Amino acid sequence: PSEWPGIEAFAASFEPIPYIAWVIPCLLLALTFPVMISCI
């Protein structure tokens, strides 16, 4: 929703797959970006 609905409403409509789908690449990016910079 465009405005924060509150934690109860957020949890009630929570969909784990879309959530996991964006968190995982962020986690992986935090691992590979420093490696790339170390090579530079």
Full PDB file with SEQRES, HELIX, SHEET, SSBOND, CRYST1, ORIGX, SCALE, CONECT and MASTER records, all heavy atoms in Angstrom:
SEQRES   1 A   40  PRO SER GLU TRP PRO GLY ILE GLU ALA PHE ALA ALA SER          
SEQRES   2 A   40  PHE GLU PRO ILE PRO TYR ILE ALA TRP VAL ILE PRO CYS          
SEQRES   3 A   40  LEU LEU LEU ALA LEU THR PHE PRO VAL MET ILE SER CYS          
SEQRES   4 A   40  ILE                                                          
HELIX    1 AA1 ILE A    7  ALA A   12  1                                   6    
HELIX    2 AA2 PRO A   16  CYS A   39  1                                  24    
CRYST1    1.000    1.000    1.000  90.00  90.00  90.00 P 1           1          
ORIGX1      1.000000  0.000000  0.000000        0.00000                         
ORIGX2      0.000000  1.000000  0.000000        0.00000                         
ORIGX3      0.000000  0.000000  1.000000        0.00000                         
SCALE1      1.000000  0.000000  0.000000        0.00000                         
SCALE2      0.000000  1.000000  0.000000        0.00000                         
SCALE3      0.000000  0.000000  1.000000        0.00000                         
ATOM      1  N   PRO A   1       0.838  -1.211   0.000  1.00  0.00           N  
ATOM      2  CA  PRO A   1       0.000   0.000   0.000  1.00  0.00           C  
ATOM      3  C   PRO A   1       0.867   1.253   0.000  1.00  0.00           C  
ATOM      4  O   PRO A   1       2.021   1.219   0.437  1.00  0.00           O  
ATOM      5  CB  PRO A   1      -0.804  -0.126   1.301  1.00  0.00           C  
ATOM      6  CG  PRO A   1      -0.002  -1.054   2.169  1.00  0.00           C  
ATOM      7  CD  PRO A   1       0.673  -2.008   1.236  1.00  0.00           C  
ATOM      8  N   SER A   2       0.335   2.345  -0.504  1.00  0.00           N  
ATOM      9  CA  SER A   2       1.104   3.586  -0.614  1.00  0.00           C  
ATOM     10  C   SER A   2       1.463   4.147   0.755  1.00  0.00           C  
ATOM     11  O   SER A   2       2.460   4.844   0.902  1.00  0.00           O  
ATOM     12  CB  SER A   2       0.320   4.634  -1.412  1.00  0.00           C  
ATOM     13  OG  SER A   2      -0.945   4.866  -0.804  1.00  0.00           O  
ATOM     14  N   GLU A   3       0.667   3.848   1.778  1.00  0.00           N  
ATOM     15  CA  GLU A   3       0.945   4.336   3.127  1.00  0.00           C  
ATOM     16  C   GLU A   3       1.088   3.150   4.057  1.00  0.00           C  
ATOM     17  O   GLU A   3       0.462   2.104   3.869  1.00  0.00           O  
ATOM     18  CB  GLU A   3      -0.195   5.246   3.606  1.00  0.00           C  
ATOM     19  CG  GLU A   3      -0.404   6.412   2.688  1.00  0.00           C  
ATOM     20  CD  GLU A   3      -0.597   7.712   3.440  1.00  0.00           C  
ATOM     21  OE1 GLU A   3      -0.823   7.681   4.631  1.00  0.00           O  
ATOM     22  OE2 GLU A   3      -0.482   8.745   2.781  1.00  0.00           O  
ATOM     23  N   TRP A   4       1.956   3.291   5.049  1.00  0.00           N  
ATOM     24  CA  TRP A   4       2.193   2.212   6.004  1.00  0.00           C  
ATOM     25  C   TRP A   4       0.894   1.865   6.737  1.00  0.00           C  
ATOM     26  O   TRP A   4       0.296   2.711   7.406  1.00  0.00           O  
ATOM     27  CB  TRP A   4       3.265   2.634   6.999  1.00  0.00           C  
ATOM     28  CG  TRP A   4       3.504   1.669   8.118  1.00  0.00           C  
ATOM     29  CD1 TRP A   4       3.267   1.876   9.446  1.00  0.00           C  
ATOM     30  CD2 TRP A   4       4.037   0.344   8.005  1.00  0.00           C  
ATOM     31  NE1 TRP A   4       3.606   0.773  10.178  1.00  0.00           N  
ATOM     32  CE2 TRP A   4       4.083  -0.196   9.319  1.00  0.00           C  
ATOM     33  CE3 TRP A   4       4.461  -0.444   6.950  1.00  0.00           C  
ATOM     34  CZ2 TRP A   4       4.555  -1.476   9.592  1.00  0.00           C  
ATOM     35  CZ3 TRP A   4       4.925  -1.726   7.210  1.00  0.00           C  
ATOM     36  CH2 TRP A   4       4.970  -2.224   8.502  1.00  0.00           C  
ATOM     37  N   PRO A   5       0.439   0.604   6.633  1.00  0.00           N  
ATOM     38  CA  PRO A   5      -0.867   0.239   7.205  1.00  0.00           C  
ATOM     39  C   PRO A   5      -0.817  -0.160   8.677  1.00  0.00           C  
ATOM     40  O   PRO A   5      -1.862  -0.398   9.283  1.00  0.00           O  
ATOM     41  CB  PRO A   5      -1.266  -0.965   6.343  1.00  0.00           C  
ATOM     42  CG  PRO A   5       0.040  -1.619   6.025  1.00  0.00           C  
ATOM     43  CD  PRO A   5       1.037  -0.492   5.880  1.00  0.00           C  
ATOM     44  N   GLY A   6       0.379  -0.246   9.222  1.00  0.00           N  
ATOM     45  CA  GLY A   6       0.523  -0.759  10.588  1.00  0.00           C  
ATOM     46  C   GLY A   6       1.022  -2.190  10.536  1.00  0.00           C  
ATOM     47  O   GLY A   6       0.806  -2.911   9.551  1.00  0.00           O  
ATOM     48  N   ILE A   7       1.679  -2.628  11.584  1.00  0.00           N  
ATOM     49  CA  ILE A   7       2.339  -3.933  11.557  1.00  0.00           C  
ATOM     50  C   ILE A   7       1.353  -5.091  11.477  1.00  0.00           C  
ATOM     51  O   ILE A   7       1.631  -6.104  10.814  1.00  0.00           O  
ATOM     52  CB  ILE A   7       3.266  -4.099  12.792  1.00  0.00           C  
ATOM     53  CG1 ILE A   7       4.121  -5.357  12.653  1.00  0.00           C  
ATOM     54  CG2 ILE A   7       2.472  -4.076  14.080  1.00  0.00           C  
ATOM     55  CD1 ILE A   7       5.033  -5.382  11.455  1.00  0.00           C  
ATOM     56  N   GLU A   8       0.202  -4.950  12.090  1.00  0.00           N  
ATOM     57  CA  GLU A   8      -0.774  -6.047  12.054  1.00  0.00           C  
ATOM     58  C   GLU A   8      -1.301  -6.268  10.641  1.00  0.00           C  
ATOM     59  O   GLU A   8      -1.373  -7.403  10.159  1.00  0.00           O  
ATOM     60  CB  GLU A   8      -1.930  -5.757  13.016  1.00  0.00           C  
ATOM     61  CG  GLU A   8      -1.526  -5.667  14.481  1.00  0.00           C  
ATOM     62  CD  GLU A   8      -0.957  -6.972  15.004  1.00  0.00           C  
ATOM     63  OE1 GLU A   8      -1.299  -8.040  14.452  1.00  0.00           O  
ATOM     64  OE2 GLU A   8      -0.174  -6.938  15.969  1.00  0.00           O  
ATOM     65  N   ALA A   9      -1.665  -5.184   9.958  1.00  0.00           N  
ATOM     66  CA  ALA A   9      -2.163  -5.297   8.585  1.00  0.00           C  
ATOM     67  C   ALA A   9      -1.053  -5.758   7.647  1.00  0.00           C  
ATOM     68  O   ALA A   9      -1.298  -6.550   6.722  1.00  0.00           O  
ATOM     69  CB  ALA A   9      -2.718  -3.945   8.122  1.00  0.00           C  
ATOM     70  N   PHE A  10       0.179  -5.279   7.883  1.00  0.00           N  
ATOM     71  CA  PHE A  10       1.310  -5.705   7.056  1.00  0.00           C  
ATOM     72  C   PHE A  10       1.534  -7.202   7.196  1.00  0.00           C  
ATOM     73  O   PHE A  10       1.726  -7.910   6.201  1.00  0.00           O  
ATOM     74  CB  PHE A  10       2.566  -4.934   7.464  1.00  0.00           C  
ATOM     75  CG  PHE A  10       3.812  -5.363   6.739  1.00  0.00           C  
ATOM     76  CD1 PHE A  10       4.129  -4.842   5.497  1.00  0.00           C  
ATOM     77  CD2 PHE A  10       4.676  -6.290   7.308  1.00  0.00           C  
ATOM     78  CE1 PHE A  10       5.281  -5.245   4.818  1.00  0.00           C  
ATOM     79  CE2 PHE A  10       5.827  -6.706   6.647  1.00  0.00           C  
ATOM     80  CZ  PHE A  10       6.125  -6.177   5.395  1.00  0.00           C  
ATOM     81  N   ALA A  11       1.530  -7.684   8.425  1.00  0.00           N  
ATOM     82  CA  ALA A  11       1.761  -9.110   8.671  1.00  0.00           C  
ATOM     83  C   ALA A  11       0.642  -9.967   8.084  1.00  0.00           C  
ATOM     84  O   ALA A  11       0.892 -11.067   7.566  1.00  0.00           O  
ATOM     85  CB  ALA A  11       1.885  -9.367  10.172  1.00  0.00           C  
ATOM     86  N   ALA A  12      -0.599  -9.465   8.126  1.00  0.00           N  
ATOM     87  CA  ALA A  12      -1.745 -10.234   7.616  1.00  0.00           C  
ATOM     88  C   ALA A  12      -1.668 -10.415   6.104  1.00  0.00           C  
ATOM     89  O   ALA A  12      -2.120 -11.433   5.573  1.00  0.00           O  
ATOM     90  CB  ALA A  12      -3.048  -9.532   8.002  1.00  0.00           C  
ATOM     91  N   SER A  13      -1.095  -9.426   5.407  1.00  0.00           N  
ATOM     92  CA  SER A  13      -1.014  -9.510   3.944  1.00  0.00           C  
ATOM     93  C   SER A  13       0.389  -9.913   3.452  1.00  0.00           C  
ATOM     94  O   SER A  13       0.657  -9.849   2.256  1.00  0.00           O  
ATOM     95  CB  SER A  13      -1.383  -8.150   3.331  1.00  0.00           C  
ATOM     96  OG  SER A  13      -0.475  -7.143   3.763  1.00  0.00           O  
ATOM     97  N   PHE A  14       1.233 -10.326   4.372  1.00  0.00           N  
ATOM     98  CA  PHE A  14       2.630 -10.639   4.039  1.00  0.00           C  
ATOM     99  C   PHE A  14       2.725 -11.841   3.106  1.00  0.00           C  
ATOM    100  O   PHE A  14       2.118 -12.875   3.341  1.00  0.00           O  
ATOM    101  CB  PHE A  14       3.413 -10.921   5.323  1.00  0.00           C  
ATOM    102  CG  PHE A  14       4.852 -11.266   5.099  1.00  0.00           C  
ATOM    103  CD1 PHE A  14       5.778 -10.291   4.735  1.00  0.00           C  
ATOM    104  CD2 PHE A  14       5.293 -12.575   5.246  1.00  0.00           C  
ATOM    105  CE1 PHE A  14       7.110 -10.603   4.540  1.00  0.00           C  
ATOM    106  CE2 PHE A  14       6.634 -12.901   5.056  1.00  0.00           C  
ATOM    107  CZ  PHE A  14       7.540 -11.912   4.699  1.00  0.00           C  
ATOM    108  N   GLU A  15       3.509 -11.680   2.016  1.00  0.00           N  
ATOM    109  CA  GLU A  15       3.773 -12.769   1.084  1.00  0.00           C  
ATOM    110  C   GLU A  15       5.268 -13.056   1.107  1.00  0.00           C  
ATOM    111  O   GLU A  15       6.082 -12.230   0.674  1.00  0.00           O  
ATOM    112  CB  GLU A  15       3.329 -12.397  -0.322  1.00  0.00           C  
ATOM    113  CG  GLU A  15       1.822 -12.183  -0.446  1.00  0.00           C  
ATOM    114  CD  GLU A  15       1.412 -11.884  -1.873  1.00  0.00           C  
ATOM    115  OE1 GLU A  15       2.211 -12.172  -2.798  1.00  0.00           O  
ATOM    116  OE2 GLU A  15       0.309 -11.357  -2.068  1.00  0.00           O  
ATOM    117  N   PRO A  16       5.669 -14.225   1.609  1.00  0.00           N  
ATOM    118  CA  PRO A  16       7.096 -14.504   1.818  1.00  0.00           C  
ATOM    119  C   PRO A  16       7.936 -14.590   0.542  1.00  0.00           C  
ATOM    120  O   PRO A  16       9.093 -14.181   0.542  1.00  0.00           O  
ATOM    121  CB  PRO A  16       7.091 -15.842   2.565  1.00  0.00           C  
ATOM    122  CG  PRO A  16       5.761 -16.457   2.279  1.00  0.00           C  
ATOM    123  CD  PRO A  16       4.818 -15.319   2.112  1.00  0.00           C  
ATOM    124  N   ILE A  17       7.362 -15.099  -0.554  1.00  0.00           N  
ATOM    125  CA  ILE A  17       8.173 -15.301  -1.765  1.00  0.00           C  
ATOM    126  C   ILE A  17       8.650 -13.979  -2.372  1.00  0.00           C  
ATOM    127  O   ILE A  17       9.845 -13.819  -2.652  1.00  0.00           O  
ATOM    128  CB  ILE A  17       7.410 -16.158  -2.797  1.00  0.00           C  
ATOM    129  CG1 ILE A  17       7.234 -17.581  -2.254  1.00  0.00           C  
ATOM    130  CG2 ILE A  17       8.162 -16.183  -4.127  1.00  0.00           C  
ATOM    131  CD1 ILE A  17       6.468 -18.504  -3.162  1.00  0.00           C  
ATOM    132  N   PRO A  18       7.770 -12.988  -2.614  1.00  0.00           N  
ATOM    133  CA  PRO A  18       8.265 -11.700  -3.111  1.00  0.00           C  
ATOM    134  C   PRO A  18       9.247 -11.036  -2.152  1.00  0.00           C  
ATOM    135  O   PRO A  18      10.188 -10.366  -2.577  1.00  0.00           O  
ATOM    136  CB  PRO A  18       6.989 -10.871  -3.279  1.00  0.00           C  
ATOM    137  CG  PRO A  18       5.891 -11.862  -3.408  1.00  0.00           C  
ATOM    138  CD  PRO A  18       6.300 -13.004  -2.539  1.00  0.00           C  
ATOM    139  N   TYR A  19       9.018 -11.231  -0.859  1.00  0.00           N  
ATOM    140  CA  TYR A  19       9.907 -10.653   0.156  1.00  0.00           C  
ATOM    141  C   TYR A  19      11.296 -11.276   0.072  1.00  0.00           C  
ATOM    142  O   TYR A  19      12.316 -10.573   0.015  1.00  0.00           O  
ATOM    143  CB  TYR A  19       9.290 -10.880   1.534  1.00  0.00           C  
ATOM    144  CG  TYR A  19      10.114 -10.359   2.689  1.00  0.00           C  
ATOM    145  CD1 TYR A  19      10.048  -9.022   3.076  1.00  0.00           C  
ATOM    146  CD2 TYR A  19      10.940 -11.208   3.420  1.00  0.00           C  
ATOM    147  CE1 TYR A  19      10.784  -8.548   4.147  1.00  0.00           C  
ATOM    148  CE2 TYR A  19      11.683 -10.747   4.486  1.00  0.00           C  
ATOM    149  CZ  TYR A  19      11.608  -9.417   4.848  1.00  0.00           C  
ATOM    150  OH  TYR A  19      12.348  -8.951   5.911  1.00  0.00           O  
ATOM    151  N   ILE A  20      11.344 -12.602   0.043  1.00  0.00           N  
ATOM    152  CA  ILE A  20      12.627 -13.311  -0.051  1.00  0.00           C  
ATOM    153  C   ILE A  20      13.331 -12.972  -1.358  1.00  0.00           C  
ATOM    154  O   ILE A  20      14.559 -12.832  -1.409  1.00  0.00           O  
ATOM    155  CB  ILE A  20      12.398 -14.837   0.055  1.00  0.00           C  
ATOM    156  CG1 ILE A  20      11.923 -15.210   1.462  1.00  0.00           C  
ATOM    157  CG2 ILE A  20      13.669 -15.605  -0.287  1.00  0.00           C  
ATOM    158  CD1 ILE A  20      11.487 -16.654   1.587  1.00  0.00           C  
ATOM    159  N   ALA A  21      12.540 -12.809  -2.426  1.00  0.00           N  
ATOM    160  CA  ALA A  21      13.104 -12.581  -3.757  1.00  0.00           C  
ATOM    161  C   ALA A  21      13.919 -11.293  -3.848  1.00  0.00           C  
ATOM    162  O   ALA A  21      14.839 -11.207  -4.664  1.00  0.00           O  
ATOM    163  CB  ALA A  21      11.987 -12.559  -4.805  1.00  0.00           C  
ATOM    164  N   TRP A  22      13.589 -10.279  -3.038  1.00  0.00           N  
ATOM    165  CA  TRP A  22      14.395  -9.049  -3.099  1.00  0.00           C  
ATOM    166  C   TRP A  22      15.460  -8.984  -2.006  1.00  0.00           C  
ATOM    167  O   TRP A  22      16.481  -8.320  -2.174  1.00  0.00           O  
ATOM    168  CB  TRP A  22      13.513  -7.797  -3.052  1.00  0.00           C  
ATOM    169  CG  TRP A  22      12.971  -7.391  -1.709  1.00  0.00           C  
ATOM    170  CD1 TRP A  22      11.737  -7.671  -1.217  1.00  0.00           C  
ATOM    171  CD2 TRP A  22      13.631  -6.615  -0.696  1.00  0.00           C  
ATOM    172  NE1 TRP A  22      11.589  -7.135   0.039  1.00  0.00           N  
ATOM    173  CE2 TRP A  22      12.730  -6.471   0.384  1.00  0.00           C  
ATOM    174  CE3 TRP A  22      14.885  -6.024  -0.594  1.00  0.00           C  
ATOM    175  CZ2 TRP A  22      13.051  -5.774   1.550  1.00  0.00           C  
ATOM    176  CZ3 TRP A  22      15.207  -5.323   0.565  1.00  0.00           C  
ATOM    177  CH2 TRP A  22      14.302  -5.202   1.612  1.00  0.00           C  
ATOM    178  N   VAL A  23      15.243  -9.700  -0.888  1.00  0.00           N  
ATOM    179  CA  VAL A  23      16.241  -9.669   0.186  1.00  0.00           C  
ATOM    180  C   VAL A  23      17.485 -10.475  -0.187  1.00  0.00           C  
ATOM    181  O   VAL A  23      18.622 -10.046   0.077  1.00  0.00           O  
ATOM    182  CB  VAL A  23      15.636 -10.188   1.506  1.00  0.00           C  
ATOM    183  CG1 VAL A  23      16.719 -10.278   2.589  1.00  0.00           C  
ATOM    184  CG2 VAL A  23      14.516  -9.279   1.982  1.00  0.00           C  
ATOM    185  N   ILE A  24      17.296 -11.620  -0.832  1.00  0.00           N  
ATOM    186  CA  ILE A  24      18.431 -12.485  -1.167  1.00  0.00           C  
ATOM    187  C   ILE A  24      19.460 -11.791  -2.066  1.00  0.00           C  
ATOM    188  O   ILE A  24      20.664 -11.834  -1.769  1.00  0.00           O  
ATOM    189  CB  ILE A  24      17.947 -13.809  -1.793  1.00  0.00           C  
ATOM    190  CG1 ILE A  24      17.325 -14.696  -0.710  1.00  0.00           C  
ATOM    191  CG2 ILE A  24      19.099 -14.546  -2.477  1.00  0.00           C  
ATOM    192  CD1 ILE A  24      16.805 -16.012  -1.211  1.00  0.00           C  
ATOM    193  N   PRO A  25      19.067 -11.150  -3.177  1.00  0.00           N  
ATOM    194  CA  PRO A  25      20.092 -10.485  -3.992  1.00  0.00           C  
ATOM    195  C   PRO A  25      20.801  -9.352  -3.249  1.00  0.00           C  
ATOM    196  O   PRO A  25      21.976  -9.088  -3.506  1.00  0.00           O  
ATOM    197  CB  PRO A  25      19.319  -9.956  -5.199  1.00  0.00           C  
ATOM    198  CG  PRO A  25      17.896  -9.891  -4.763  1.00  0.00           C  
ATOM    199  CD  PRO A  25      17.738 -11.030  -3.806  1.00  0.00           C  
ATOM    200  N   CYS A  26      20.107  -8.684  -2.335  1.00  0.00           N  
ATOM    201  CA  CYS A  26      20.753  -7.639  -1.533  1.00  0.00           C  
ATOM    202  C   CYS A  26      21.828  -8.244  -0.638  1.00  0.00           C  
ATOM    203  O   CYS A  26      22.912  -7.672  -0.472  1.00  0.00           O  
ATOM    204  CB  CYS A  26      19.721  -6.912  -0.688  1.00  0.00           C  
ATOM    205  SG  CYS A  26      18.555  -5.912  -1.622  1.00  0.00           S  
ATOM    206  N   LEU A  27      21.522  -9.395  -0.047  1.00  0.00           N  
ATOM    207  CA  LEU A  27      22.492 -10.098   0.784  1.00  0.00           C  
ATOM    208  C   LEU A  27      23.696 -10.540  -0.041  1.00  0.00           C  
ATOM    209  O   LEU A  27      24.855 -10.361   0.364  1.00  0.00           O  
ATOM    210  CB  LEU A  27      21.823 -11.312   1.443  1.00  0.00           C  
ATOM    211  CG  LEU A  27      22.720 -12.241   2.262  1.00  0.00           C  
ATOM    212  CD1 LEU A  27      23.338 -11.493   3.439  1.00  0.00           C  
ATOM    213  CD2 LEU A  27      21.917 -13.444   2.763  1.00  0.00           C  
ATOM    214  N   LEU A  28      23.445 -11.092  -1.219  1.00  0.00           N  
ATOM    215  CA  LEU A  28      24.532 -11.544  -2.086  1.00  0.00           C  
ATOM    216  C   LEU A  28      25.373 -10.372  -2.592  1.00  0.00           C  
ATOM    217  O   LEU A  28      26.596 -10.475  -2.715  1.00  0.00           O  
ATOM    218  CB  LEU A  28      23.958 -12.331  -3.267  1.00  0.00           C  
ATOM    219  CG  LEU A  28      23.248 -13.646  -2.901  1.00  0.00           C  
ATOM    220  CD1 LEU A  28      22.584 -14.238  -4.145  1.00  0.00           C  
ATOM    221  CD2 LEU A  28      24.228 -14.634  -2.291  1.00  0.00           C  
ATOM    222  N   LEU A  29      24.717  -9.244  -2.864  1.00  0.00           N  
ATOM    223  CA  LEU A  29      25.427  -8.049  -3.318  1.00  0.00           C  
ATOM    224  C   LEU A  29      26.391  -7.554  -2.246  1.00  0.00           C  
ATOM    225  O   LEU A  29      27.502  -7.102  -2.555  1.00  0.00           O  
ATOM    226  CB  LEU A  29      24.417  -6.953  -3.666  1.00  0.00           C  
ATOM    227  CG  LEU A  29      24.961  -5.641  -4.230  1.00  0.00           C  
ATOM    228  CD1 LEU A  29      25.711  -5.883  -5.535  1.00  0.00           C  
ATOM    229  CD2 LEU A  29      23.822  -4.646  -4.452  1.00  0.00           C  
ATOM    230  N   ALA A  30      25.982  -7.662  -0.988  1.00  0.00           N  
ATOM    231  CA  ALA A  30      26.851  -7.242   0.117  1.00  0.00           C  
ATOM    232  C   ALA A  30      28.090  -8.124   0.229  1.00  0.00           C  
ATOM    233  O   ALA A  30      29.090  -7.722   0.829  1.00  0.00           O  
ATOM    234  CB  ALA A  30      26.070  -7.270   1.431  1.00  0.00           C  
ATOM    235  N   LEU A  31      28.043  -9.307  -0.366  1.00  0.00           N  
ATOM    236  CA  LEU A  31      29.183 -10.214  -0.336  1.00  0.00           C  
ATOM    237  C   LEU A  31      30.112 -10.023  -1.538  1.00  0.00           C  
ATOM    238  O   LEU A  31      31.342 -10.092  -1.394  1.00  0.00           O  
ATOM    239  CB  LEU A  31      28.691 -11.666  -0.290  1.00  0.00           C  
ATOM    240  CG  LEU A  31      27.793 -12.054   0.891  1.00  0.00           C  
ATOM    241  CD1 LEU A  31      27.359 -13.504   0.769  1.00  0.00           C  
ATOM    242  CD2 LEU A  31      28.499 -11.808   2.216  1.00  0.00           C  
ATOM    243  N   THR A  32      29.543  -9.786  -2.714  1.00  0.00           N  
ATOM    244  CA  THR A  32      30.377  -9.742  -3.920  1.00  0.00           C  
ATOM    245  C   THR A  32      30.924  -8.358  -4.247  1.00  0.00           C  
ATOM    246  O   THR A  32      31.987  -8.249  -4.858  1.00  0.00           O  
ATOM    247  CB  THR A  32      29.599 -10.271  -5.142  1.00  0.00           C  
ATOM    248  OG1 THR A  32      28.419  -9.474  -5.346  1.00  0.00           O  
ATOM    249  CG2 THR A  32      29.203 -11.725  -4.946  1.00  0.00           C  
ATOM    250  N   PHE A  33      30.220  -7.297  -3.840  1.00  0.00           N  
ATOM    251  CA  PHE A  33      30.713  -5.943  -4.138  1.00  0.00           C  
ATOM    252  C   PHE A  33      32.071  -5.670  -3.491  1.00  0.00           C  
ATOM    253  O   PHE A  33      32.982  -5.172  -4.164  1.00  0.00           O  
ATOM    254  CB  PHE A  33      29.686  -4.899  -3.693  1.00  0.00           C  
ATOM    255  CG  PHE A  33      30.135  -3.472  -3.905  1.00  0.00           C  
ATOM    256  CD1 PHE A  33      30.214  -2.935  -5.188  1.00  0.00           C  
ATOM    257  CD2 PHE A  33      30.481  -2.674  -2.827  1.00  0.00           C  
ATOM    258  CE1 PHE A  33      30.639  -1.615  -5.385  1.00  0.00           C  
ATOM    259  CE2 PHE A  33      30.894  -1.359  -3.013  1.00  0.00           C  
ATOM    260  CZ  PHE A  33      30.972  -0.833  -4.293  1.00  0.00           C  
ATOM    261  N   PRO A  34      32.274  -5.995  -2.201  1.00  0.00           N  
ATOM    262  CA  PRO A  34      33.605  -5.789  -1.624  1.00  0.00           C  
ATOM    263  C   PRO A  34      34.699  -6.611  -2.319  1.00  0.00           C  
ATOM    264  O   PRO A  34      35.841  -6.155  -2.423  1.00  0.00           O  
ATOM    265  CB  PRO A  34      33.437  -6.229  -0.161  1.00  0.00           C  
ATOM    266  CG  PRO A  34      31.989  -6.052   0.122  1.00  0.00           C  
ATOM    267  CD  PRO A  34      31.307  -6.414  -1.171  1.00  0.00           C  
ATOM    268  N   VAL A  35      34.349  -7.802  -2.793  1.00  0.00           N  
ATOM    269  CA  VAL A  35      35.323  -8.626  -3.522  1.00  0.00           C  
ATOM    270  C   VAL A  35      35.729  -7.931  -4.818  1.00  0.00           C  
ATOM    271  O   VAL A  35      36.916  -7.866  -5.176  1.00  0.00           O  
ATOM    272  CB  VAL A  35      34.749 -10.030  -3.810  1.00  0.00           C  
ATOM    273  CG1 VAL A  35      35.727 -10.841  -4.665  1.00  0.00           C  
ATOM    274  CG2 VAL A  35      34.454 -10.762  -2.509  1.00  0.00           C  
ATOM    275  N   MET A  36      34.748  -7.396  -5.537  1.00  0.00           N  
ATOM    276  CA  MET A  36      35.031  -6.679  -6.775  1.00  0.00           C  
ATOM    277  C   MET A  36      35.932  -5.472  -6.522  1.00  0.00           C  
ATOM    278  O   MET A  36      36.898  -5.226  -7.253  1.00  0.00           O  
ATOM    279  CB  MET A  36      33.723  -6.229  -7.432  1.00  0.00           C  
ATOM    280  CG  MET A  36      33.905  -5.559  -8.785  1.00  0.00           C  
ATOM    281  SD  MET A  36      32.360  -4.827  -9.425  1.00  0.00           S  
ATOM    282  CE  MET A  36      32.274  -3.334  -8.398  1.00  0.00           C  
ATOM    283  N   ILE A  37      35.638  -4.725  -5.456  1.00  0.00           N  
ATOM    284  CA  ILE A  37      36.439  -3.544  -5.136  1.00  0.00           C  
ATOM    285  C   ILE A  37      37.853  -3.944  -4.723  1.00  0.00           C  
ATOM    286  O   ILE A  37      38.823  -3.241  -5.038  1.00  0.00           O  
ATOM    287  CB  ILE A  37      35.764  -2.710  -4.029  1.00  0.00           C  
ATOM    288  CG1 ILE A  37      34.401  -2.191  -4.504  1.00  0.00           C  
ATOM    289  CG2 ILE A  37      36.655  -1.540  -3.613  1.00  0.00           C  
ATOM    290  CD1 ILE A  37      34.470  -1.274  -5.711  1.00  0.00           C  
ATOM    291  N   SER A  38      37.991  -5.074  -4.043  1.00  0.00           N  
ATOM    292  CA  SER A  38      39.334  -5.530  -3.661  1.00  0.00           C  
ATOM    293  C   SER A  38      40.168  -5.853  -4.894  1.00  0.00           C  
ATOM    294  O   SER A  38      41.380  -5.600  -4.918  1.00  0.00           O  
ATOM    295  CB  SER A  38      39.246  -6.749  -2.736  1.00  0.00           C  
ATOM    296  OG  SER A  38      38.777  -7.891  -3.431  1.00  0.00           O  
ATOM    297  N   CYS A  39      39.525  -6.381  -5.926  1.00  0.00           N  
ATOM    298  CA  CYS A  39      40.245  -6.667  -7.174  1.00  0.00           C  
ATOM    299  C   CYS A  39      40.626  -5.366  -7.885  1.00  0.00           C  
ATOM    300  O   CYS A  39      41.706  -5.284  -8.497  1.00  0.00           O  
ATOM    301  CB  CYS A  39      39.395  -7.553  -8.079  1.00  0.00           C  
ATOM    302  SG  CYS A  39      39.149  -9.220  -7.427  1.00  0.00           S  
ATOM    303  N   ILE A  40      39.772  -4.353  -7.812  1.00  0.00           N  
ATOM    304  CA  ILE A  40      40.113  -3.051  -8.388  1.00  0.00           C  
ATOM    305  C   ILE A  40      41.296  -2.445  -7.634  1.00  0.00           C  
ATOM    306  O   ILE A  40      42.146  -1.772  -8.227  1.00  0.00           O  
ATOM    307  CB  ILE A  40      38.896  -2.105  -8.350  1.00  0.00           C  
ATOM    308  CG1 ILE A  40      37.804  -2.627  -9.296  1.00  0.00           C  
ATOM    309  CG2 ILE A  40      39.289  -0.678  -8.748  1.00  0.00           C  
ATOM    310  CD1 ILE A  40      36.525  -1.823  -9.266  1.00  0.00           C  
TER     311      ILE A  40                                                      
MASTER        0    0    0    2    0    0    0    6  310    1    0    4          
END                                                                             
